[in-house]
N, C-alpha and C. Protein backbone atom coordinates (compact mmCIF):
# COMPACT_ATOMS: atom_id res chain seq x y z
N MET A 1 105.72 -13.99 238.67
CA MET A 1 106.25 -14.84 237.50
C MET A 1 105.62 -14.44 236.32
N ILE A 2 104.41 -14.03 236.71
CA ILE A 2 103.29 -13.62 235.39
C ILE A 2 103.69 -12.15 234.75
N LYS A 3 104.15 -11.61 234.91
CA LYS A 3 105.20 -10.09 234.57
C LYS A 3 106.21 -10.52 234.06
N PHE A 4 107.34 -11.57 234.62
CA PHE A 4 108.39 -11.76 233.86
C PHE A 4 107.88 -12.38 232.46
N VAL A 5 106.90 -13.39 232.57
CA VAL A 5 106.66 -14.06 230.98
C VAL A 5 106.02 -12.79 230.39
N HIS A 6 105.38 -11.78 230.45
CA HIS A 6 104.67 -10.90 229.74
C HIS A 6 106.18 -10.12 229.28
N LEU A 7 107.10 -9.69 230.22
CA LEU A 7 108.52 -9.08 229.92
C LEU A 7 109.09 -9.79 228.78
N ILE A 8 109.34 -11.05 228.93
CA ILE A 8 110.10 -11.95 228.14
C ILE A 8 109.51 -12.34 226.94
N PHE A 9 108.05 -12.36 226.81
CA PHE A 9 107.20 -12.65 225.39
C PHE A 9 107.89 -11.80 224.40
N PRO A 10 108.15 -10.68 224.57
CA PRO A 10 108.03 -9.49 223.32
C PRO A 10 109.19 -10.27 222.73
N PHE A 11 110.11 -9.91 224.03
CA PHE A 11 111.80 -10.27 223.63
C PHE A 11 112.13 -11.52 223.07
N THR A 12 111.38 -12.40 223.38
CA THR A 12 111.50 -13.75 222.37
C THR A 12 110.79 -13.78 221.15
N LEU A 13 109.82 -13.26 220.81
CA LEU A 13 109.25 -12.69 219.44
C LEU A 13 109.84 -11.97 219.26
N LEU A 14 110.51 -10.92 219.42
CA LEU A 14 111.57 -10.26 218.70
C LEU A 14 112.57 -11.20 217.91
N LEU A 15 113.29 -11.90 219.02
CA LEU A 15 114.33 -12.87 218.91
C LEU A 15 114.00 -13.72 217.65
N LEU A 16 112.85 -14.33 217.60
CA LEU A 16 112.24 -15.38 217.06
C LEU A 16 112.43 -14.56 215.44
N THR A 17 111.74 -13.60 215.43
CA THR A 17 111.53 -12.96 213.71
C THR A 17 112.71 -12.51 213.28
N ALA A 18 113.72 -12.08 214.03
CA ALA A 18 114.94 -11.88 213.68
C ALA A 18 115.52 -13.16 213.12
N CYS A 19 115.67 -14.33 213.56
CA CYS A 19 116.27 -15.47 213.22
C CYS A 19 115.53 -16.20 212.03
N GLY A 20 114.17 -15.46 211.59
CA GLY A 20 113.24 -16.27 210.44
C GLY A 20 111.73 -16.41 210.99
N THR A 21 111.34 -16.45 210.31
CA THR A 21 109.42 -17.00 210.63
C THR A 21 108.79 -17.68 209.73
N GLU A 22 109.57 -17.91 208.58
CA GLU A 22 109.14 -18.56 207.86
C GLU A 22 107.86 -19.57 207.88
N ASN A 23 108.48 -20.58 208.72
CA ASN A 23 107.65 -21.54 209.48
C ASN A 23 106.86 -21.29 210.64
N LEU A 24 106.77 -20.28 211.33
CA LEU A 24 106.50 -19.75 212.42
C LEU A 24 104.91 -19.43 212.41
N ASP A 25 104.02 -19.88 213.28
CA ASP A 25 102.70 -19.99 213.09
C ASP A 25 102.55 -18.99 214.94
N ILE A 26 102.74 -17.73 214.50
CA ILE A 26 102.53 -16.95 216.21
C ILE A 26 101.09 -16.66 216.28
N SER A 27 99.72 -16.95 215.44
CA SER A 27 98.67 -16.05 215.28
C SER A 27 97.98 -17.27 217.02
N THR A 28 98.49 -18.62 217.47
CA THR A 28 97.99 -18.87 218.26
C THR A 28 99.02 -19.06 219.27
N ILE A 29 99.82 -18.16 219.65
CA ILE A 29 100.97 -18.46 220.54
C ILE A 29 100.48 -17.33 222.01
N SER A 30 100.41 -18.09 223.09
CA SER A 30 99.76 -17.24 224.22
C SER A 30 100.97 -16.77 225.10
N PRO A 31 101.19 -15.72 225.95
CA PRO A 31 102.35 -15.69 226.53
C PRO A 31 103.38 -16.72 227.24
N THR A 32 102.08 -17.73 227.35
CA THR A 32 102.87 -18.77 228.42
C THR A 32 102.97 -20.32 227.44
N GLN A 33 103.24 -20.03 226.17
CA GLN A 33 103.69 -20.74 225.37
C GLN A 33 105.34 -20.60 224.57
N THR A 34 105.47 -21.42 224.77
CA THR A 34 107.05 -21.80 223.78
C THR A 34 106.31 -21.70 222.06
N PRO A 35 106.80 -20.68 221.43
CA PRO A 35 106.88 -21.04 219.91
C PRO A 35 107.34 -22.27 219.11
N LYS A 36 106.44 -22.92 218.39
CA LYS A 36 107.37 -24.05 217.84
C LYS A 36 107.16 -24.10 216.40
N SER A 37 108.19 -24.42 215.70
CA SER A 37 108.17 -24.23 213.88
C SER A 37 108.10 -25.29 213.43
N GLU A 38 107.19 -25.42 212.54
CA GLU A 38 106.91 -26.64 211.95
C GLU A 38 108.07 -27.55 211.64
N SER A 39 109.40 -26.65 211.22
CA SER A 39 110.24 -27.78 210.83
C SER A 39 111.33 -27.72 211.72
N SER A 40 112.17 -28.75 211.99
CA SER A 40 113.07 -28.43 212.98
C SER A 40 114.59 -28.29 212.16
N GLU A 41 114.71 -28.12 210.88
CA GLU A 41 115.91 -27.95 210.58
C GLU A 41 116.12 -26.77 210.34
N SER A 42 117.65 -26.36 210.21
CA SER A 42 117.08 -24.70 210.27
C SER A 42 117.28 -24.03 209.06
N VAL A 43 116.61 -23.05 209.31
CA VAL A 43 116.53 -22.25 207.63
C VAL A 43 117.21 -20.90 207.61
N GLY A 44 118.29 -21.14 206.34
CA GLY A 44 119.24 -19.77 206.16
C GLY A 44 118.74 -19.00 204.77
N PRO A 45 119.28 -18.05 204.87
CA PRO A 45 118.92 -17.08 203.72
C PRO A 45 118.87 -17.96 202.13
N SER A 46 117.99 -17.27 201.64
CA SER A 46 117.74 -17.75 200.31
C SER A 46 118.70 -17.55 199.56
N PRO A 47 119.39 -18.52 198.40
CA PRO A 47 120.45 -17.91 197.62
C PRO A 47 119.81 -17.24 196.43
N LYS A 48 120.58 -16.34 196.10
CA LYS A 48 120.47 -15.53 194.81
C LYS A 48 120.00 -16.23 193.63
N PRO A 49 118.87 -15.95 192.65
CA PRO A 49 118.84 -16.26 191.66
C PRO A 49 120.00 -16.37 190.26
N ALA A 50 120.13 -17.31 189.62
CA ALA A 50 120.79 -17.42 188.70
C ALA A 50 120.56 -16.26 187.65
N PRO A 51 121.74 -15.97 187.00
CA PRO A 51 121.38 -14.72 185.69
C PRO A 51 120.66 -15.68 184.71
N ALA A 52 120.18 -14.72 184.02
CA ALA A 52 119.11 -15.33 183.03
C ALA A 52 119.78 -15.60 181.80
N VAL A 53 119.88 -17.13 181.16
CA VAL A 53 120.54 -17.31 180.45
C VAL A 53 119.75 -17.11 178.78
N VAL A 54 120.21 -16.19 177.85
CA VAL A 54 119.53 -16.06 176.78
C VAL A 54 120.19 -16.95 175.30
N GLY A 55 119.15 -17.63 174.83
CA GLY A 55 119.52 -18.81 174.05
C GLY A 55 120.32 -19.94 174.81
N THR A 56 121.06 -20.40 174.01
CA THR A 56 121.57 -21.46 174.66
C THR A 56 123.29 -21.14 174.83
N GLU A 57 124.00 -20.09 174.68
CA GLU A 57 124.82 -19.90 175.29
C GLU A 57 125.05 -18.90 176.55
N PHE A 58 126.08 -19.01 177.64
CA PHE A 58 126.02 -17.65 178.69
C PHE A 58 126.64 -16.80 178.30
N PRO A 59 126.21 -15.56 178.42
CA PRO A 59 126.42 -14.62 178.08
C PRO A 59 128.37 -14.27 178.69
N ARG A 60 128.84 -13.76 177.74
CA ARG A 60 130.67 -13.62 177.74
C ARG A 60 130.81 -12.23 177.40
N GLU A 61 131.71 -11.97 177.40
CA GLU A 61 132.95 -10.50 176.92
C GLU A 61 132.83 -11.18 175.40
N ALA A 62 132.61 -9.44 174.62
CA ALA A 62 133.13 -9.70 173.23
C ALA A 62 134.49 -9.62 172.91
N ASP A 63 134.81 -11.35 173.27
CA ASP A 63 136.47 -11.63 173.35
C ASP A 63 137.22 -11.70 171.60
N ALA A 64 138.21 -11.83 171.31
CA ALA A 64 138.88 -11.96 169.51
C ALA A 64 138.88 -13.53 169.92
N ASP A 65 138.22 -13.97 168.32
CA ASP A 65 138.08 -15.48 168.55
C ASP A 65 139.14 -15.71 167.63
N VAL A 66 139.87 -16.87 167.36
CA VAL A 66 140.54 -17.33 166.62
C VAL A 66 139.57 -18.46 165.76
N VAL A 67 139.05 -18.38 164.44
CA VAL A 67 138.44 -19.38 163.79
C VAL A 67 139.31 -20.27 162.88
N HIS A 68 140.11 -20.09 162.20
CA HIS A 68 141.05 -20.97 161.75
C HIS A 68 142.40 -20.58 161.18
N VAL A 69 143.15 -21.35 161.08
CA VAL A 69 144.82 -21.33 160.98
C VAL A 69 145.43 -21.87 159.88
N ARG A 70 146.13 -21.45 158.73
CA ARG A 70 146.92 -22.24 158.08
C ARG A 70 148.20 -22.08 158.34
N ALA A 71 149.20 -22.46 158.41
CA ALA A 71 150.51 -22.57 158.73
C ALA A 71 150.99 -23.50 157.81
N VAL A 72 152.22 -22.13 156.65
CA VAL A 72 152.92 -22.82 155.80
C VAL A 72 154.43 -23.23 156.40
N SER A 73 154.81 -24.24 156.20
CA SER A 73 156.67 -24.17 156.30
C SER A 73 157.07 -23.59 155.38
N ASP A 74 158.06 -22.59 155.41
CA ASP A 74 158.85 -22.21 154.18
C ASP A 74 160.13 -22.49 154.10
N ALA A 75 160.62 -22.48 152.91
CA ALA A 75 161.77 -23.35 152.50
C ALA A 75 163.09 -22.62 153.40
N ASP A 76 162.87 -21.54 153.97
CA ASP A 76 164.09 -21.14 154.67
C ASP A 76 164.20 -21.66 156.44
N GLY A 77 163.07 -22.34 156.47
CA GLY A 77 162.74 -22.74 157.87
C GLY A 77 161.92 -22.01 159.03
N SER A 78 161.60 -21.07 158.45
CA SER A 78 160.84 -20.25 158.82
C SER A 78 159.02 -20.89 158.47
N TRP A 79 158.19 -19.91 159.20
CA TRP A 79 156.46 -20.64 158.84
C TRP A 79 156.09 -19.18 159.00
N THR A 80 154.85 -19.72 157.86
CA THR A 80 154.16 -18.16 157.71
C THR A 80 152.59 -18.39 158.38
N PHE A 81 152.10 -17.94 159.10
CA PHE A 81 150.94 -18.28 159.48
C PHE A 81 149.74 -17.45 158.80
N LEU A 82 148.83 -17.85 158.44
CA LEU A 82 147.57 -16.87 158.15
C LEU A 82 146.56 -17.16 158.80
N VAL A 83 146.02 -16.17 159.74
CA VAL A 83 145.25 -16.38 160.67
C VAL A 83 143.96 -15.64 160.69
N THR A 84 142.71 -16.61 160.66
CA THR A 84 141.66 -15.77 160.89
C THR A 84 141.12 -15.60 161.91
N ILE A 85 140.53 -14.27 162.31
CA ILE A 85 139.82 -14.11 163.51
C ILE A 85 138.54 -13.53 163.47
N LYS A 86 137.74 -13.43 164.33
CA LYS A 86 136.28 -13.21 164.44
C LYS A 86 135.77 -12.08 165.61
N HIS A 87 135.56 -11.03 165.25
CA HIS A 87 135.43 -10.15 166.57
C HIS A 87 134.69 -9.25 166.49
N PRO A 88 133.66 -8.19 167.09
CA PRO A 88 132.41 -7.47 167.03
C PRO A 88 133.26 -6.23 167.09
N ASP A 89 134.07 -6.00 166.09
CA ASP A 89 134.81 -4.57 166.15
C ASP A 89 133.74 -3.73 165.59
N THR A 90 133.84 -2.27 166.89
CA THR A 90 133.04 -1.13 166.78
C THR A 90 133.78 0.29 165.95
N GLY A 91 135.21 -0.03 166.23
CA GLY A 91 135.71 1.40 165.86
C GLY A 91 136.84 1.18 166.36
N TRP A 92 137.52 2.18 166.73
CA TRP A 92 138.88 2.51 167.33
C TRP A 92 138.88 2.08 168.94
N ASP A 93 137.36 2.43 169.51
CA ASP A 93 136.98 1.99 170.96
C ASP A 93 137.33 0.63 171.08
N ASP A 94 137.03 -0.34 170.29
CA ASP A 94 136.85 -1.70 170.84
C ASP A 94 137.45 -2.41 169.18
N TYR A 95 138.67 -3.31 169.15
CA TYR A 95 138.57 -4.16 168.18
C TYR A 95 139.87 -4.93 168.33
N ALA A 96 139.77 -5.96 167.16
CA ALA A 96 140.92 -6.82 167.54
C ALA A 96 142.45 -6.26 167.22
N ASP A 97 143.44 -6.48 168.23
CA ASP A 97 144.35 -5.25 167.59
C ASP A 97 145.62 -6.60 167.20
N GLY A 98 145.35 -7.77 167.50
CA GLY A 98 146.60 -8.54 167.69
C GLY A 98 146.43 -10.26 167.70
N TRP A 99 147.64 -10.79 167.64
CA TRP A 99 147.34 -12.41 167.72
C TRP A 99 148.71 -12.70 167.79
N ASP A 100 148.87 -13.94 168.79
CA ASP A 100 150.05 -14.74 168.93
C ASP A 100 150.05 -16.40 168.49
N VAL A 101 151.32 -16.24 168.31
CA VAL A 101 151.64 -17.82 167.96
C VAL A 101 152.36 -18.08 169.46
N VAL A 102 151.86 -19.21 170.11
CA VAL A 102 152.41 -19.20 171.65
C VAL A 102 153.03 -20.93 172.08
N THR A 103 154.12 -21.13 172.51
CA THR A 103 154.85 -22.49 172.58
C THR A 103 153.76 -22.84 174.09
N GLN A 104 153.93 -24.38 174.25
CA GLN A 104 153.31 -24.87 175.86
C GLN A 104 154.13 -24.27 176.57
N ALA A 105 155.75 -23.82 176.69
CA ALA A 105 156.14 -23.04 177.58
C ALA A 105 155.76 -21.66 177.77
N GLY A 106 154.97 -21.25 177.30
CA GLY A 106 154.37 -19.55 177.34
C GLY A 106 155.37 -19.01 176.41
N ILE A 107 156.20 -18.97 175.33
CA ILE A 107 156.86 -17.90 174.84
C ILE A 107 156.30 -17.84 173.60
N VAL A 108 155.94 -16.29 173.25
CA VAL A 108 155.74 -15.67 172.34
C VAL A 108 156.68 -15.48 171.00
N LEU A 109 156.27 -16.49 170.20
CA LEU A 109 157.16 -16.53 168.96
C LEU A 109 156.49 -15.19 167.96
N LYS A 110 157.74 -14.60 167.51
CA LYS A 110 157.62 -13.26 166.76
C LYS A 110 158.86 -13.16 165.67
N ALA A 111 158.36 -12.75 164.61
CA ALA A 111 159.53 -12.19 163.09
C ALA A 111 160.51 -11.24 163.91
N ASN A 112 159.82 -10.31 164.58
CA ASN A 112 160.48 -9.13 165.30
C ASN A 112 160.32 -9.26 166.71
N PRO A 113 161.31 -9.56 167.62
CA PRO A 113 161.18 -9.28 169.34
C PRO A 113 160.94 -8.44 169.55
N ASN A 114 160.63 -7.08 169.20
CA ASN A 114 160.00 -5.76 169.49
C ASN A 114 158.55 -5.38 169.68
N ASP A 115 157.93 -6.70 168.50
CA ASP A 115 156.93 -6.08 168.13
C ASP A 115 155.66 -6.59 169.20
N PRO A 116 154.70 -5.91 169.80
CA PRO A 116 153.69 -6.34 170.62
C PRO A 116 153.13 -7.83 170.48
N PHE A 117 152.96 -7.95 169.45
CA PHE A 117 152.07 -9.10 169.51
C PHE A 117 152.99 -10.01 168.13
N THR A 118 152.80 -11.31 167.77
CA THR A 118 153.86 -11.80 166.59
C THR A 118 153.20 -11.18 165.49
N ARG A 119 151.39 -10.66 165.24
CA ARG A 119 151.05 -9.51 164.36
C ARG A 119 150.32 -8.72 164.95
N LEU A 120 150.94 -7.51 164.89
CA LEU A 120 150.15 -6.38 165.18
C LEU A 120 149.19 -6.30 163.73
N LEU A 121 147.88 -5.70 164.26
CA LEU A 121 146.49 -5.66 163.83
C LEU A 121 146.05 -4.14 164.32
N ALA A 122 146.66 -3.18 163.20
CA ALA A 122 146.87 -1.51 163.14
C ALA A 122 145.53 -1.13 163.01
N HIS A 123 144.04 -1.36 162.67
CA HIS A 123 143.25 -0.86 162.34
C HIS A 123 141.88 -1.92 162.68
N PRO A 124 140.92 -1.26 163.09
CA PRO A 124 139.60 -2.16 163.13
C PRO A 124 139.00 -2.63 161.80
N HIS A 125 138.43 -3.48 162.00
CA HIS A 125 137.86 -4.49 161.11
C HIS A 125 136.47 -4.31 161.05
N VAL A 126 135.87 -3.28 161.32
CA VAL A 126 134.42 -3.27 161.18
C VAL A 126 133.42 -3.79 159.76
N ASP A 127 133.80 -3.78 158.75
CA ASP A 127 132.79 -4.28 157.74
C ASP A 127 133.57 -5.29 157.17
N GLU A 128 134.59 -6.03 157.95
CA GLU A 128 135.37 -7.02 157.27
C GLU A 128 135.17 -8.27 158.12
N GLN A 129 134.67 -9.06 158.21
CA GLN A 129 134.38 -10.03 159.78
C GLN A 129 133.70 -11.46 159.06
N PRO A 130 134.54 -12.25 159.60
CA PRO A 130 135.88 -12.95 159.54
C PRO A 130 136.72 -12.17 159.07
N PHE A 131 138.03 -12.19 159.38
CA PHE A 131 139.15 -11.52 158.24
C PHE A 131 140.30 -12.35 158.74
N THR A 132 141.43 -12.50 157.53
CA THR A 132 142.76 -13.13 157.80
C THR A 132 143.70 -11.98 157.80
N ARG A 133 144.84 -12.79 158.48
CA ARG A 133 145.83 -11.31 158.14
C ARG A 133 147.38 -12.43 158.61
N SER A 134 148.23 -12.67 157.42
CA SER A 134 149.49 -13.13 157.33
C SER A 134 150.16 -12.84 158.53
N GLN A 135 151.52 -13.53 158.82
CA GLN A 135 152.74 -13.11 159.02
C GLN A 135 153.80 -14.04 159.21
N ARG A 136 155.26 -13.87 158.16
CA ARG A 136 155.74 -14.62 158.01
C ARG A 136 157.06 -14.07 158.47
N GLY A 137 157.79 -15.20 158.57
CA GLY A 137 159.69 -15.27 159.38
C GLY A 137 159.38 -15.85 160.66
N ILE A 138 158.10 -16.68 161.17
CA ILE A 138 158.11 -17.28 162.39
C ILE A 138 158.80 -18.38 162.57
N ILE A 139 160.07 -18.38 163.50
CA ILE A 139 161.07 -19.29 163.84
C ILE A 139 160.09 -20.52 165.13
N ILE A 140 159.96 -21.18 164.88
CA ILE A 140 159.56 -22.17 165.55
C ILE A 140 160.86 -23.12 166.15
N PRO A 141 160.93 -23.35 167.33
CA PRO A 141 162.45 -23.95 167.68
C PRO A 141 161.87 -25.69 167.51
N GLU A 142 163.22 -26.11 167.18
CA GLU A 142 162.95 -27.97 166.70
C GLU A 142 162.05 -28.62 167.97
N ASN A 143 162.44 -28.56 169.42
CA ASN A 143 161.67 -29.00 170.54
C ASN A 143 160.46 -28.68 170.13
N VAL A 144 159.80 -28.23 169.87
CA VAL A 144 158.59 -27.56 170.19
C VAL A 144 158.12 -28.32 168.91
N PHE A 145 156.61 -29.13 169.80
CA PHE A 145 155.61 -29.79 168.26
C PHE A 145 154.50 -29.29 168.76
N GLN A 146 154.06 -28.45 169.38
CA GLN A 146 152.59 -27.79 169.52
C GLN A 146 152.65 -26.18 169.24
N VAL A 147 152.01 -25.64 169.32
CA VAL A 147 151.76 -24.30 169.49
C VAL A 147 150.17 -23.87 169.24
N THR A 148 149.83 -22.47 170.32
CA THR A 148 148.55 -22.43 170.34
C THR A 148 148.67 -20.66 169.88
N VAL A 149 147.67 -20.67 168.95
CA VAL A 149 147.48 -19.43 168.42
C VAL A 149 146.25 -18.67 169.12
N ARG A 150 146.22 -17.43 169.93
CA ARG A 150 145.24 -16.84 170.28
C ARG A 150 145.26 -15.36 169.96
N ALA A 151 143.85 -14.64 170.06
CA ALA A 151 144.10 -13.22 169.51
C ALA A 151 143.57 -12.11 170.92
N HIS A 152 143.70 -11.25 170.54
CA HIS A 152 143.68 -9.70 171.36
C HIS A 152 142.91 -8.99 170.84
N ASP A 153 142.04 -8.58 171.91
CA ASP A 153 141.29 -7.02 171.63
C ASP A 153 141.45 -5.65 172.35
N ILE A 154 141.42 -5.14 172.33
CA ILE A 154 141.79 -3.64 173.11
C ILE A 154 140.97 -3.51 174.47
N VAL A 155 139.85 -4.15 174.18
CA VAL A 155 139.12 -4.05 175.50
C VAL A 155 139.26 -5.21 176.93
N ASP A 156 139.11 -6.37 176.01
CA ASP A 156 139.28 -7.41 177.08
C ASP A 156 140.11 -8.43 176.83
N GLY A 157 141.49 -7.73 176.11
CA GLY A 157 142.52 -8.60 176.29
C GLY A 157 142.41 -9.98 175.52
N PHE A 158 143.34 -11.20 176.05
CA PHE A 158 143.21 -12.66 175.46
C PHE A 158 141.91 -13.02 175.98
N GLY A 159 141.43 -14.08 175.70
CA GLY A 159 140.51 -14.52 176.30
C GLY A 159 139.30 -15.70 175.22
N GLY A 160 139.61 -15.08 174.25
CA GLY A 160 138.74 -15.62 173.40
C GLY A 160 138.97 -16.82 172.75
N GLN A 161 138.58 -17.95 171.52
CA GLN A 161 138.69 -18.98 171.48
C GLN A 161 140.05 -18.96 170.89
N GLU A 162 140.88 -19.93 170.75
CA GLU A 162 141.96 -20.10 170.63
C GLU A 162 142.27 -21.64 169.89
N ILE A 163 143.30 -21.76 168.77
CA ILE A 163 143.33 -23.03 168.10
C ILE A 163 144.72 -23.38 168.55
N ILE A 164 144.75 -24.41 169.06
CA ILE A 164 145.87 -25.64 169.40
C ILE A 164 146.32 -25.93 168.16
N ILE A 165 147.57 -26.12 167.80
CA ILE A 165 147.98 -26.89 166.86
C ILE A 165 148.95 -27.79 166.77
N ASP A 166 148.85 -28.63 166.37
CA ASP A 166 149.94 -30.06 166.59
C ASP A 166 150.90 -30.18 165.41
N LEU A 167 152.20 -29.86 165.52
CA LEU A 167 153.05 -29.62 164.00
C LEU A 167 153.46 -30.82 163.83
N GLN A 168 152.86 -32.17 164.11
CA GLN A 168 153.20 -33.51 163.47
C GLN A 168 151.95 -33.84 162.81
N ASN A 169 150.84 -33.38 162.72
CA ASN A 169 149.99 -33.55 162.16
C ASN A 169 149.24 -32.63 160.96
N ASP A 170 149.37 -33.22 160.05
CA ASP A 170 148.88 -31.91 158.98
C ASP A 170 147.74 -30.98 159.15
N SER A 171 146.38 -31.37 160.00
CA SER A 171 145.41 -30.88 159.94
C SER A 171 144.64 -31.22 161.28
N GLY A 172 143.85 -30.49 162.16
CA GLY A 172 142.92 -30.96 162.98
C GLY A 172 142.39 -29.85 163.21
N GLU A 173 141.60 -29.86 164.29
CA GLU A 173 140.21 -28.68 164.40
C GLU A 173 140.45 -27.46 164.23
N GLY A 174 140.28 -26.64 163.31
CA GLY A 174 140.40 -25.47 163.24
C GLY A 174 141.69 -24.97 162.32
N TYR A 175 142.60 -26.00 161.92
CA TYR A 175 143.98 -25.67 161.23
C TYR A 175 144.37 -26.83 160.21
N GLU A 176 145.50 -26.07 159.49
CA GLU A 176 145.78 -27.19 158.55
C GLU A 176 147.01 -26.67 158.27
N LEU A 177 148.33 -27.60 157.98
CA LEU A 177 149.48 -27.20 157.94
C LEU A 177 150.01 -27.77 156.15
N GLU A 178 150.82 -26.75 155.82
CA GLU A 178 151.11 -27.00 154.55
C GLU A 178 152.99 -27.07 154.66
């Protein structure tokens, strides 16, 4: 029997070590004793630490943000949108390249249906931040009472701050209507 215990003890220690020994005191265990844990609860792997937070904001991609919109109802029934965008343009490799006016149904409103955006931005604005660009001739269907203005950049796509415009109110957070 003693030979059996001497053979099993190293195997038991190996097994217990593989399962975790944070609360296991093996210094006082003899080959005839059963190891005891200080805690009866199961100990799992430690969670990974959360990423460090710099300042008061979580790190995020350098998305293009819409910071203000002025929408003007024109005499012909169309709208002119003047959209102010902020994006850390670095040059041709990373810049805000367009913005859209989108209905709640997800339809992008464009003056020219063949354009990639409601307003294409053809070049970087490295030294002009934030910047405002306008687009005339946007037709908003009669049954649409709310639109969202969003900006796009060539690296991250859409995902920055958007402004929701209630077409029944003259102004709201980040926008004004005329």
